[in-house]
């Protein structure tokens, strides 16, 4: 396994941003996912990431977000305890570098990862499939429209300043749009 973005299966072709952190593939016939990984799985993904290159905790968070094209950003409350667990199990070692703990995979960690290669590939395949289910069809269209709306709104809003009269008008437009979206869900649910 190499460390390129494509071998994780989440390249630039996935049209979504960091706002989509958890989901359940609509129309997929599967239960709704409320988290990206099942219990105990994130350690395999973190270990694989560290095999590519040593990283400190924040770099692990950002690395996973990048590898998964923004569809998942693990919390510090997930990453740091997992790094400690991996260190306790002897699969990584922490080296103090410029005041930060940088985690390196140990030979035991490399063996462990190799022994569980099939499981890791299964995890990545499942996550890839979940993302594809979620971003396909109408959901992809909704996400694209939402991303455009967010871009158009915030690109200009932050430059205008808090007293710009257009901000109040934009806020009213967004409130009306939210009401319209809510109404669409209500009428479609009946």
N, C-alpha and C. Protein backbone atom coordinates (compact mmCIF):
# COMPACT_ATOMS: atom_id res chain seq x y z
N UNK A 1 0.84 -1.18 0.00
CA UNK A 1 0.00 0.00 0.00
C UNK A 1 0.88 1.23 0.00
N UNK A 2 0.58 2.14 -0.88
CA UNK A 2 1.32 3.38 -0.91
C UNK A 2 0.56 4.42 -0.14
N UNK A 3 1.13 5.60 -0.04
CA UNK A 3 0.50 6.62 0.77
C UNK A 3 -0.20 7.69 -0.03
N UNK A 4 -0.46 7.48 -1.30
CA UNK A 4 -1.10 8.53 -2.08
C UNK A 4 -2.56 8.68 -1.69
N UNK A 5 -3.10 9.83 -2.02
CA UNK A 5 -4.49 10.11 -1.70
C UNK A 5 -5.41 9.13 -2.43
N UNK A 6 -5.07 8.78 -3.65
CA UNK A 6 -5.94 7.92 -4.44
C UNK A 6 -6.05 6.51 -3.87
N UNK A 7 -5.01 5.99 -3.23
CA UNK A 7 -5.11 4.63 -2.71
C UNK A 7 -6.08 4.55 -1.53
N UNK A 8 -6.45 5.66 -0.98
CA UNK A 8 -7.47 5.67 0.06
C UNK A 8 -8.84 5.73 -0.59
N UNK A 9 -8.88 6.11 -1.87
CA UNK A 9 -10.13 6.11 -2.60
C UNK A 9 -10.94 7.38 -2.50
N UNK A 10 -10.38 8.43 -1.97
CA UNK A 10 -11.11 9.68 -1.83
C UNK A 10 -10.34 10.79 -2.51
N UNK A 11 -10.36 10.78 -3.82
CA UNK A 11 -9.65 11.80 -4.58
C UNK A 11 -10.52 13.00 -4.84
N UNK A 12 -10.06 13.85 -5.74
CA UNK A 12 -10.78 15.09 -6.02
C UNK A 12 -12.15 14.89 -6.64
N UNK A 13 -12.47 13.67 -7.07
CA UNK A 13 -13.76 13.41 -7.68
C UNK A 13 -14.93 13.44 -6.72
N UNK A 14 -14.68 13.46 -5.43
CA UNK A 14 -15.78 13.48 -4.48
C UNK A 14 -16.19 14.92 -4.22
N UNK A 15 -17.41 15.28 -4.62
CA UNK A 15 -17.83 16.68 -4.57
C UNK A 15 -18.46 17.07 -3.25
N UNK A 16 -17.70 17.05 -2.17
CA UNK A 16 -18.26 17.46 -0.90
C UNK A 16 -17.18 18.13 -0.07
N UNK A 17 -17.60 18.82 0.97
CA UNK A 17 -16.66 19.54 1.81
C UNK A 17 -16.66 19.03 3.22
N UNK A 18 -15.90 19.71 4.05
CA UNK A 18 -15.72 19.29 5.44
C UNK A 18 -16.99 19.37 6.27
N UNK A 19 -18.02 20.03 5.75
CA UNK A 19 -19.26 20.11 6.51
C UNK A 19 -19.94 18.76 6.66
N UNK A 20 -19.64 17.81 5.75
CA UNK A 20 -20.27 16.49 5.80
C UNK A 20 -19.39 15.56 6.59
N UNK A 21 -19.64 15.44 7.88
CA UNK A 21 -18.76 14.63 8.72
C UNK A 21 -19.38 13.30 9.12
N UNK A 22 -20.67 13.20 9.09
CA UNK A 22 -21.29 11.92 9.38
C UNK A 22 -22.60 11.85 8.64
N UNK A 23 -22.99 10.68 8.21
CA UNK A 23 -24.18 10.51 7.40
C UNK A 23 -24.60 9.06 7.37
N UNK A 24 -25.70 8.82 6.69
CA UNK A 24 -26.15 7.47 6.40
C UNK A 24 -26.57 7.43 4.95
N UNK A 25 -25.96 6.67 4.14
CA UNK A 25 -26.19 6.66 2.71
C UNK A 25 -27.66 6.53 2.35
N UNK A 26 -28.35 7.65 2.06
CA UNK A 26 -29.76 7.59 1.74
C UNK A 26 -30.00 6.68 0.55
N UNK A 27 -31.04 5.89 0.64
CA UNK A 27 -31.39 5.01 -0.46
C UNK A 27 -30.50 3.78 -0.56
N UNK A 28 -29.56 3.65 0.34
CA UNK A 28 -28.63 2.53 0.24
C UNK A 28 -29.19 1.27 0.89
N UNK A 29 -30.28 1.40 1.64
CA UNK A 29 -30.85 0.24 2.32
C UNK A 29 -30.10 -0.11 3.59
N UNK A 30 -29.11 0.68 3.94
CA UNK A 30 -28.34 0.44 5.16
C UNK A 30 -28.84 1.34 6.27
N UNK A 31 -28.50 0.97 7.48
CA UNK A 31 -28.87 1.82 8.61
C UNK A 31 -28.09 3.13 8.52
N UNK A 32 -28.64 4.15 9.10
CA UNK A 32 -27.99 5.46 9.09
C UNK A 32 -26.75 5.40 9.96
N UNK A 33 -25.64 5.87 9.40
CA UNK A 33 -24.38 5.91 10.15
C UNK A 33 -24.31 7.21 10.91
N UNK A 34 -23.98 7.12 12.18
CA UNK A 34 -23.82 8.34 12.97
C UNK A 34 -22.36 8.61 13.24
N UNK A 35 -21.50 7.70 12.85
CA UNK A 35 -20.06 7.92 12.97
C UNK A 35 -19.39 7.23 11.79
N UNK A 36 -18.18 7.68 11.47
CA UNK A 36 -17.50 7.16 10.30
C UNK A 36 -17.02 5.73 10.51
N UNK A 37 -16.49 5.45 11.68
CA UNK A 37 -15.90 4.14 11.95
C UNK A 37 -16.62 3.43 13.08
N UNK A 38 -16.63 2.12 13.00
CA UNK A 38 -17.16 1.32 14.09
C UNK A 38 -16.14 1.32 15.23
N UNK A 39 -16.54 0.86 16.39
CA UNK A 39 -15.67 0.83 17.56
C UNK A 39 -14.37 0.08 17.27
N UNK A 40 -13.27 0.72 17.58
CA UNK A 40 -11.96 0.09 17.44
C UNK A 40 -11.33 0.18 16.06
N UNK A 41 -12.06 0.68 15.07
CA UNK A 41 -11.53 0.71 13.71
C UNK A 41 -10.59 1.87 13.43
N UNK A 42 -10.79 2.98 14.10
CA UNK A 42 -9.99 4.16 13.78
C UNK A 42 -8.50 3.92 14.05
N UNK A 43 -8.18 3.00 14.96
CA UNK A 43 -6.77 2.76 15.25
C UNK A 43 -6.04 2.20 14.04
N UNK A 44 -6.72 1.39 13.23
CA UNK A 44 -6.10 0.85 12.03
C UNK A 44 -5.82 1.95 11.01
N UNK A 45 -6.76 2.86 10.88
CA UNK A 45 -6.63 3.95 9.93
C UNK A 45 -5.52 4.91 10.37
N UNK A 46 -5.47 5.21 11.66
CA UNK A 46 -4.41 6.09 12.18
C UNK A 46 -3.06 5.42 12.02
N UNK A 47 -2.98 4.15 12.32
CA UNK A 47 -1.71 3.43 12.18
C UNK A 47 -1.24 3.45 10.73
N UNK A 48 -2.17 3.26 9.81
CA UNK A 48 -1.80 3.31 8.39
C UNK A 48 -1.30 4.70 8.01
N UNK A 49 -1.95 5.72 8.51
CA UNK A 49 -1.53 7.09 8.23
C UNK A 49 -0.12 7.34 8.76
N UNK A 50 0.15 6.85 9.96
CA UNK A 50 1.48 7.04 10.56
C UNK A 50 2.54 6.22 9.84
N UNK A 51 2.15 5.13 9.20
CA UNK A 51 3.11 4.35 8.44
C UNK A 51 3.63 5.16 7.26
N UNK A 52 2.78 6.01 6.70
CA UNK A 52 3.19 6.86 5.58
C UNK A 52 4.29 7.83 6.01
N UNK A 53 4.09 8.44 7.18
CA UNK A 53 5.11 9.34 7.73
C UNK A 53 4.76 9.66 9.18
N UNK A 54 5.76 9.88 10.01
CA UNK A 54 5.50 10.25 11.41
C UNK A 54 4.74 11.58 11.47
N UNK A 55 3.88 11.70 12.45
CA UNK A 55 3.06 12.91 12.59
C UNK A 55 2.76 13.15 14.07
N UNK A 56 2.49 14.41 14.40
CA UNK A 56 1.97 14.69 15.73
C UNK A 56 0.45 14.67 15.65
N UNK A 57 -0.22 14.76 16.79
CA UNK A 57 -1.66 14.56 16.87
C UNK A 57 -2.47 15.42 15.91
N UNK A 58 -2.17 16.70 15.87
CA UNK A 58 -2.93 17.59 14.99
C UNK A 58 -2.71 17.21 13.53
N UNK A 59 -1.51 16.79 13.19
CA UNK A 59 -1.23 16.35 11.81
C UNK A 59 -2.01 15.07 11.48
N UNK A 60 -2.24 14.23 12.47
CA UNK A 60 -3.07 13.04 12.25
C UNK A 60 -4.50 13.47 11.91
N UNK A 61 -5.03 14.42 12.68
CA UNK A 61 -6.38 14.92 12.42
C UNK A 61 -6.46 15.49 11.01
N UNK A 62 -5.56 16.37 10.67
CA UNK A 62 -5.58 17.00 9.35
C UNK A 62 -5.29 15.99 8.25
N UNK A 63 -4.41 15.03 8.51
CA UNK A 63 -4.09 14.01 7.52
C UNK A 63 -5.29 13.15 7.18
N UNK A 64 -6.05 12.75 8.20
CA UNK A 64 -7.26 11.95 7.95
C UNK A 64 -8.30 12.77 7.20
N UNK A 65 -8.44 14.02 7.57
CA UNK A 65 -9.38 14.89 6.86
C UNK A 65 -8.99 15.00 5.38
N UNK A 66 -7.70 15.18 5.13
CA UNK A 66 -7.23 15.28 3.75
C UNK A 66 -7.40 13.97 2.98
N UNK A 67 -7.02 12.85 3.61
CA UNK A 67 -7.13 11.55 2.94
C UNK A 67 -8.57 11.25 2.56
N UNK A 68 -9.52 11.73 3.35
CA UNK A 68 -10.91 11.45 3.07
C UNK A 68 -11.61 12.64 2.45
N UNK A 69 -10.82 13.49 1.79
CA UNK A 69 -11.32 14.62 1.01
C UNK A 69 -12.32 15.49 1.77
N UNK A 70 -12.10 15.61 3.07
CA UNK A 70 -12.95 16.49 3.86
C UNK A 70 -14.23 15.89 4.37
N UNK A 71 -14.51 14.62 4.07
CA UNK A 71 -15.78 14.02 4.50
C UNK A 71 -15.72 13.55 5.94
N UNK A 72 -14.55 13.55 6.52
CA UNK A 72 -14.43 13.11 7.91
C UNK A 72 -13.28 13.85 8.57
N UNK A 73 -13.54 14.43 9.70
CA UNK A 73 -12.51 15.04 10.52
C UNK A 73 -12.65 14.46 11.92
N UNK A 74 -11.69 13.64 12.33
CA UNK A 74 -11.80 13.05 13.67
C UNK A 74 -11.59 14.11 14.74
N UNK A 75 -12.23 13.92 15.86
CA UNK A 75 -12.07 14.86 16.96
C UNK A 75 -10.78 14.56 17.72
N UNK A 76 -10.29 15.55 18.43
CA UNK A 76 -9.13 15.35 19.29
C UNK A 76 -9.44 14.28 20.33
N UNK A 77 -10.70 14.22 20.77
CA UNK A 77 -11.12 13.22 21.74
C UNK A 77 -11.11 11.80 21.21
N UNK A 78 -10.99 11.65 19.90
CA UNK A 78 -10.83 10.34 19.29
C UNK A 78 -9.36 10.07 19.02
N UNK A 79 -8.67 11.04 18.45
CA UNK A 79 -7.29 10.83 18.00
C UNK A 79 -6.31 10.64 19.15
N UNK A 80 -6.30 11.54 20.12
CA UNK A 80 -5.27 11.47 21.17
C UNK A 80 -5.37 10.21 22.03
N UNK A 81 -6.58 9.80 22.45
CA UNK A 81 -6.65 8.54 23.19
C UNK A 81 -6.24 7.33 22.32
N UNK A 82 -6.55 7.38 21.03
CA UNK A 82 -6.15 6.29 20.13
C UNK A 82 -4.64 6.24 19.99
N UNK A 83 -4.00 7.40 19.87
CA UNK A 83 -2.54 7.44 19.80
C UNK A 83 -1.93 6.87 21.09
N UNK A 84 -2.52 7.20 22.24
CA UNK A 84 -2.03 6.67 23.50
C UNK A 84 -2.20 5.16 23.56
N UNK A 85 -3.34 4.66 23.09
CA UNK A 85 -3.59 3.23 23.05
C UNK A 85 -2.56 2.54 22.16
N UNK A 86 -2.32 3.09 20.98
CA UNK A 86 -1.34 2.51 20.06
C UNK A 86 0.06 2.51 20.67
N UNK A 87 0.37 3.56 21.42
CA UNK A 87 1.66 3.62 22.10
C UNK A 87 1.73 2.58 23.21
N UNK A 88 0.66 2.46 23.99
CA UNK A 88 0.61 1.46 25.07
C UNK A 88 0.74 0.04 24.53
N UNK A 89 0.19 -0.19 23.34
CA UNK A 89 0.25 -1.52 22.73
C UNK A 89 1.59 -1.78 22.03
N UNK A 90 2.43 -0.74 21.97
CA UNK A 90 3.75 -0.90 21.35
C UNK A 90 3.76 -0.77 19.83
N UNK A 91 2.66 -0.26 19.26
CA UNK A 91 2.57 -0.14 17.80
C UNK A 91 3.11 1.19 17.29
N UNK A 92 3.19 2.18 18.17
CA UNK A 92 3.82 3.46 17.83
C UNK A 92 4.68 3.88 19.01
N UNK A 93 5.63 4.75 18.72
CA UNK A 93 6.41 5.37 19.79
C UNK A 93 6.39 6.87 19.57
N UNK A 94 6.30 7.61 20.66
CA UNK A 94 6.26 9.06 20.59
C UNK A 94 7.66 9.60 20.81
N UNK A 95 8.05 10.51 19.96
CA UNK A 95 9.35 11.16 20.07
C UNK A 95 9.09 12.65 20.23
N UNK A 96 9.68 13.25 21.29
CA UNK A 96 9.50 14.68 21.51
C UNK A 96 10.33 15.44 20.47
N UNK A 97 9.63 16.20 19.62
CA UNK A 97 10.28 16.97 18.57
C UNK A 97 9.75 18.39 18.64
N UNK A 98 10.62 19.32 18.96
CA UNK A 98 10.24 20.73 19.07
C UNK A 98 9.04 20.93 19.99
N UNK A 99 9.01 20.21 21.09
CA UNK A 99 7.94 20.35 22.08
C UNK A 99 6.66 19.62 21.73
N UNK A 100 6.66 18.84 20.66
CA UNK A 100 5.46 18.08 20.28
C UNK A 100 5.80 16.61 20.25
N UNK A 101 4.80 15.79 20.60
CA UNK A 101 4.96 14.34 20.49
C UNK A 101 4.72 13.95 19.04
N UNK A 102 5.75 13.44 18.39
CA UNK A 102 5.61 12.96 17.01
C UNK A 102 5.59 11.44 17.08
N UNK A 103 4.57 10.85 16.48
CA UNK A 103 4.35 9.41 16.56
C UNK A 103 4.95 8.70 15.36
N UNK A 104 5.72 7.66 15.65
CA UNK A 104 6.37 6.83 14.63
C UNK A 104 5.86 5.40 14.78
N UNK A 105 5.61 4.74 13.65
CA UNK A 105 5.19 3.34 13.70
C UNK A 105 6.41 2.49 14.07
N UNK A 106 6.22 1.56 14.97
CA UNK A 106 7.29 0.64 15.37
C UNK A 106 7.25 -0.59 14.44
N UNK A 107 8.29 -1.40 14.47
CA UNK A 107 8.24 -2.65 13.69
C UNK A 107 7.04 -3.52 14.09
N UNK A 108 6.68 -3.51 15.39
CA UNK A 108 5.51 -4.26 15.84
C UNK A 108 4.24 -3.70 15.21
N UNK A 109 4.18 -2.36 15.11
CA UNK A 109 3.03 -1.71 14.49
C UNK A 109 2.91 -2.06 13.02
N UNK A 110 4.05 -2.12 12.33
CA UNK A 110 4.03 -2.50 10.91
C UNK A 110 3.55 -3.93 10.75
N UNK A 111 4.01 -4.82 11.63
CA UNK A 111 3.55 -6.22 11.58
C UNK A 111 2.06 -6.31 11.85
N UNK A 112 1.61 -5.59 12.86
CA UNK A 112 0.19 -5.58 13.23
C UNK A 112 -0.66 -5.10 12.05
N UNK A 113 -0.21 -4.04 11.40
CA UNK A 113 -0.93 -3.50 10.26
C UNK A 113 -0.97 -4.52 9.12
N UNK A 114 0.14 -5.18 8.88
CA UNK A 114 0.19 -6.19 7.82
C UNK A 114 -0.72 -7.38 8.15
N UNK A 115 -0.72 -7.78 9.42
CA UNK A 115 -1.58 -8.90 9.83
C UNK A 115 -3.06 -8.58 9.66
N UNK A 116 -3.39 -7.30 9.72
CA UNK A 116 -4.79 -6.87 9.63
C UNK A 116 -5.06 -6.13 8.32
N UNK A 117 -4.27 -6.39 7.32
CA UNK A 117 -4.41 -5.71 6.03
C UNK A 117 -5.82 -5.88 5.47
N UNK A 118 -6.37 -7.10 5.52
CA UNK A 118 -7.70 -7.34 4.98
C UNK A 118 -8.77 -6.52 5.71
N UNK A 119 -8.65 -6.45 7.02
CA UNK A 119 -9.60 -5.67 7.80
C UNK A 119 -9.49 -4.19 7.43
N UNK A 120 -8.28 -3.67 7.32
CA UNK A 120 -8.08 -2.28 6.96
C UNK A 120 -8.67 -1.99 5.58
N UNK A 121 -8.43 -2.86 4.64
CA UNK A 121 -8.99 -2.66 3.30
C UNK A 121 -10.51 -2.71 3.33
N UNK A 122 -11.06 -3.59 4.16
CA UNK A 122 -12.51 -3.67 4.31
C UNK A 122 -13.07 -2.38 4.89
N UNK A 123 -12.39 -1.82 5.88
CA UNK A 123 -12.82 -0.56 6.49
C UNK A 123 -12.82 0.55 5.44
N UNK A 124 -11.72 0.67 4.72
CA UNK A 124 -11.61 1.73 3.72
C UNK A 124 -12.63 1.54 2.61
N UNK A 125 -12.83 0.30 2.17
CA UNK A 125 -13.84 0.03 1.14
C UNK A 125 -15.24 0.42 1.61
N UNK A 126 -15.57 0.08 2.86
CA UNK A 126 -16.89 0.39 3.41
C UNK A 126 -17.11 1.91 3.50
N UNK A 127 -16.07 2.61 3.96
CA UNK A 127 -16.18 4.06 4.07
C UNK A 127 -16.31 4.68 2.68
N UNK A 128 -15.52 4.20 1.74
CA UNK A 128 -15.59 4.69 0.35
C UNK A 128 -17.00 4.49 -0.21
N UNK A 129 -17.59 3.32 0.02
CA UNK A 129 -18.93 3.03 -0.46
C UNK A 129 -19.97 3.92 0.21
N UNK A 130 -19.82 4.16 1.49
CA UNK A 130 -20.74 5.04 2.21
C UNK A 130 -20.71 6.43 1.62
N UNK A 131 -19.50 6.92 1.35
CA UNK A 131 -19.35 8.26 0.77
C UNK A 131 -19.99 8.30 -0.62
N UNK A 132 -19.75 7.29 -1.41
CA UNK A 132 -20.34 7.26 -2.76
C UNK A 132 -21.87 7.23 -2.69
N UNK A 133 -22.42 6.42 -1.77
CA UNK A 133 -23.87 6.38 -1.61
C UNK A 133 -24.41 7.75 -1.23
N UNK A 134 -23.70 8.40 -0.34
CA UNK A 134 -24.17 9.68 0.16
C UNK A 134 -24.09 10.78 -0.88
N UNK A 135 -23.03 10.80 -1.65
CA UNK A 135 -22.81 11.92 -2.56
C UNK A 135 -23.47 11.72 -3.91
N UNK A 136 -24.08 10.58 -4.13
CA UNK A 136 -24.70 10.32 -5.43
C UNK A 136 -26.09 10.90 -5.53
N UNK A 137 -26.58 10.99 -6.76
CA UNK A 137 -27.95 11.39 -7.03
C UNK A 137 -28.33 12.72 -6.45
N UNK A 138 -29.56 12.78 -5.92
CA UNK A 138 -30.11 14.03 -5.41
C UNK A 138 -29.32 14.62 -4.27
N UNK A 139 -28.74 13.78 -3.44
CA UNK A 139 -27.93 14.29 -2.32
C UNK A 139 -26.74 15.08 -2.87
N UNK A 140 -26.12 14.58 -3.91
CA UNK A 140 -25.01 15.30 -4.54
C UNK A 140 -25.45 16.66 -5.06
N UNK A 141 -26.65 16.70 -5.64
CA UNK A 141 -27.18 17.97 -6.14
C UNK A 141 -27.44 18.95 -4.99
N UNK A 142 -28.02 18.43 -3.90
CA UNK A 142 -28.27 19.28 -2.74
C UNK A 142 -26.96 19.82 -2.19
N UNK A 143 -25.97 18.94 -2.06
CA UNK A 143 -24.67 19.36 -1.53
C UNK A 143 -24.04 20.42 -2.43
N UNK A 144 -24.10 20.22 -3.73
CA UNK A 144 -23.52 21.20 -4.65
C UNK A 144 -24.20 22.55 -4.54
N UNK A 145 -25.53 22.54 -4.45
CA UNK A 145 -26.27 23.79 -4.32
C UNK A 145 -25.95 24.46 -2.99
N UNK A 146 -25.87 23.66 -1.93
CA UNK A 146 -25.56 24.21 -0.61
C UNK A 146 -24.15 24.80 -0.59
N UNK A 147 -23.19 24.10 -1.19
CA UNK A 147 -21.82 24.60 -1.24
C UNK A 147 -21.76 25.92 -2.00
N UNK A 148 -22.50 26.01 -3.09
CA UNK A 148 -22.53 27.26 -3.85
C UNK A 148 -23.12 28.39 -3.01
N UNK A 149 -24.25 28.09 -2.33
CA UNK A 149 -24.89 29.09 -1.48
C UNK A 149 -23.92 29.58 -0.40
N UNK A 150 -23.26 28.63 0.27
CA UNK A 150 -22.31 29.00 1.32
C UNK A 150 -21.18 29.85 0.76
N UNK A 151 -20.67 29.46 -0.40
CA UNK A 151 -19.57 30.21 -1.02
C UNK A 151 -19.98 31.63 -1.37
N UNK A 152 -21.12 31.77 -2.01
CA UNK A 152 -21.61 33.09 -2.41
C UNK A 152 -21.88 33.95 -1.18
N UNK A 153 -22.42 33.35 -0.14
CA UNK A 153 -22.76 34.10 1.06
C UNK A 153 -21.53 34.55 1.82
N UNK A 154 -20.66 33.62 2.16
CA UNK A 154 -19.55 33.95 3.04
C UNK A 154 -18.39 34.62 2.34
N UNK A 155 -18.24 34.41 1.06
CA UNK A 155 -17.15 35.03 0.32
C UNK A 155 -17.22 36.55 0.43
N UNK A 156 -18.44 37.05 0.39
CA UNK A 156 -18.61 38.51 0.44
C UNK A 156 -18.91 39.02 1.85
N UNK A 157 -19.63 38.23 2.63
CA UNK A 157 -20.09 38.71 3.94
C UNK A 157 -18.94 39.10 4.85
N UNK A 158 -17.91 38.31 4.91
CA UNK A 158 -16.84 38.61 5.86
C UNK A 158 -16.08 39.88 5.48
N UNK A 159 -16.13 40.26 4.20
CA UNK A 159 -15.44 41.47 3.75
C UNK A 159 -16.25 42.73 4.03
N UNK A 160 -17.55 42.59 4.18
CA UNK A 160 -18.44 43.74 4.28
C UNK A 160 -18.40 44.44 5.63
N UNK A 161 -18.17 43.69 6.67
CA UNK A 161 -18.20 44.29 8.00
C UNK A 161 -19.56 44.13 8.64
N UNK A 162 -19.62 44.23 9.96
CA UNK A 162 -20.85 43.91 10.70
C UNK A 162 -22.00 44.88 10.50
N UNK A 163 -21.74 46.08 9.98
CA UNK A 163 -22.80 47.08 9.86
C UNK A 163 -23.33 47.22 8.43
N UNK A 164 -22.87 46.41 7.52
CA UNK A 164 -23.32 46.52 6.14
C UNK A 164 -24.80 46.17 6.05
N UNK A 165 -25.62 47.03 5.45
CA UNK A 165 -27.06 46.78 5.38
C UNK A 165 -27.41 45.53 4.56
N UNK A 166 -26.56 45.13 3.64
CA UNK A 166 -26.84 43.94 2.82
C UNK A 166 -26.86 42.68 3.69
N UNK A 167 -26.14 42.69 4.80
CA UNK A 167 -26.11 41.50 5.66
C UNK A 167 -27.49 41.16 6.20
N UNK A 168 -28.24 42.17 6.60
CA UNK A 168 -29.59 41.93 7.11
C UNK A 168 -30.48 41.36 6.01
N UNK A 169 -30.35 41.89 4.81
CA UNK A 169 -31.15 41.40 3.68
C UNK A 169 -30.78 39.95 3.36
N UNK A 170 -29.48 39.64 3.36
CA UNK A 170 -29.04 38.27 3.09
C UNK A 170 -29.55 37.33 4.18
N UNK A 171 -29.50 37.76 5.44
CA UNK A 171 -30.01 36.93 6.54
C UNK A 171 -31.49 36.63 6.35
N UNK A 172 -32.27 37.61 5.92
CA UNK A 172 -33.70 37.40 5.67
C UNK A 172 -33.92 36.41 4.52
N UNK A 173 -33.13 36.54 3.46
CA UNK A 173 -33.22 35.61 2.33
C UNK A 173 -32.93 34.18 2.80
N UNK A 174 -31.89 34.02 3.63
CA UNK A 174 -31.52 32.69 4.12
C UNK A 174 -32.58 32.12 5.04
N UNK A 175 -33.18 32.95 5.88
CA UNK A 175 -34.27 32.48 6.74
C UNK A 175 -35.45 32.00 5.91
N UNK A 176 -35.78 32.75 4.88
CA UNK A 176 -36.89 32.36 3.98
C UNK A 176 -36.54 31.06 3.27
N UNK A 177 -35.31 30.93 2.80
CA UNK A 177 -34.89 29.69 2.13
C UNK A 177 -34.98 28.50 3.08
N UNK A 178 -34.58 28.69 4.34
CA UNK A 178 -34.67 27.61 5.33
C UNK A 178 -36.13 27.21 5.55
N UNK A 179 -37.02 28.21 5.61
CA UNK A 179 -38.44 27.91 5.75
C UNK A 179 -38.96 27.12 4.54
N UNK A 180 -38.53 27.52 3.34
CA UNK A 180 -38.96 26.82 2.11
C UNK A 180 -38.45 25.38 2.09
N UNK A 181 -37.21 25.18 2.53
CA UNK A 181 -36.64 23.83 2.57
C UNK A 181 -37.42 22.99 3.57
N UNK A 182 -37.69 23.53 4.74
CA UNK A 182 -38.46 22.81 5.75
C UNK A 182 -39.83 22.44 5.21
N UNK A 183 -40.44 23.36 4.51
CA UNK A 183 -41.77 23.10 3.92
C UNK A 183 -41.67 21.97 2.88
N UNK A 184 -40.62 21.95 2.08
CA UNK A 184 -40.44 20.89 1.08
C UNK A 184 -40.32 19.53 1.75
N UNK A 185 -39.59 19.45 2.86
CA UNK A 185 -39.46 18.18 3.58
C UNK A 185 -40.80 17.75 4.15
N UNK A 186 -41.54 18.69 4.68
CA UNK A 186 -42.83 18.40 5.30
C UNK A 186 -43.83 17.89 4.27
N UNK A 187 -43.92 18.56 3.11
CA UNK A 187 -44.89 18.14 2.10
C UNK A 187 -44.49 16.83 1.45
N UNK A 188 -43.20 16.52 1.38
CA UNK A 188 -42.72 15.28 0.76
C UNK A 188 -42.84 14.10 1.71
N UNK A 189 -42.90 14.38 3.02
CA UNK A 189 -42.94 13.30 4.02
C UNK A 189 -44.33 12.70 4.16
N UNK A 190 -45.34 13.42 3.72
CA UNK A 190 -46.72 12.98 3.92
C UNK A 190 -47.08 11.80 3.06
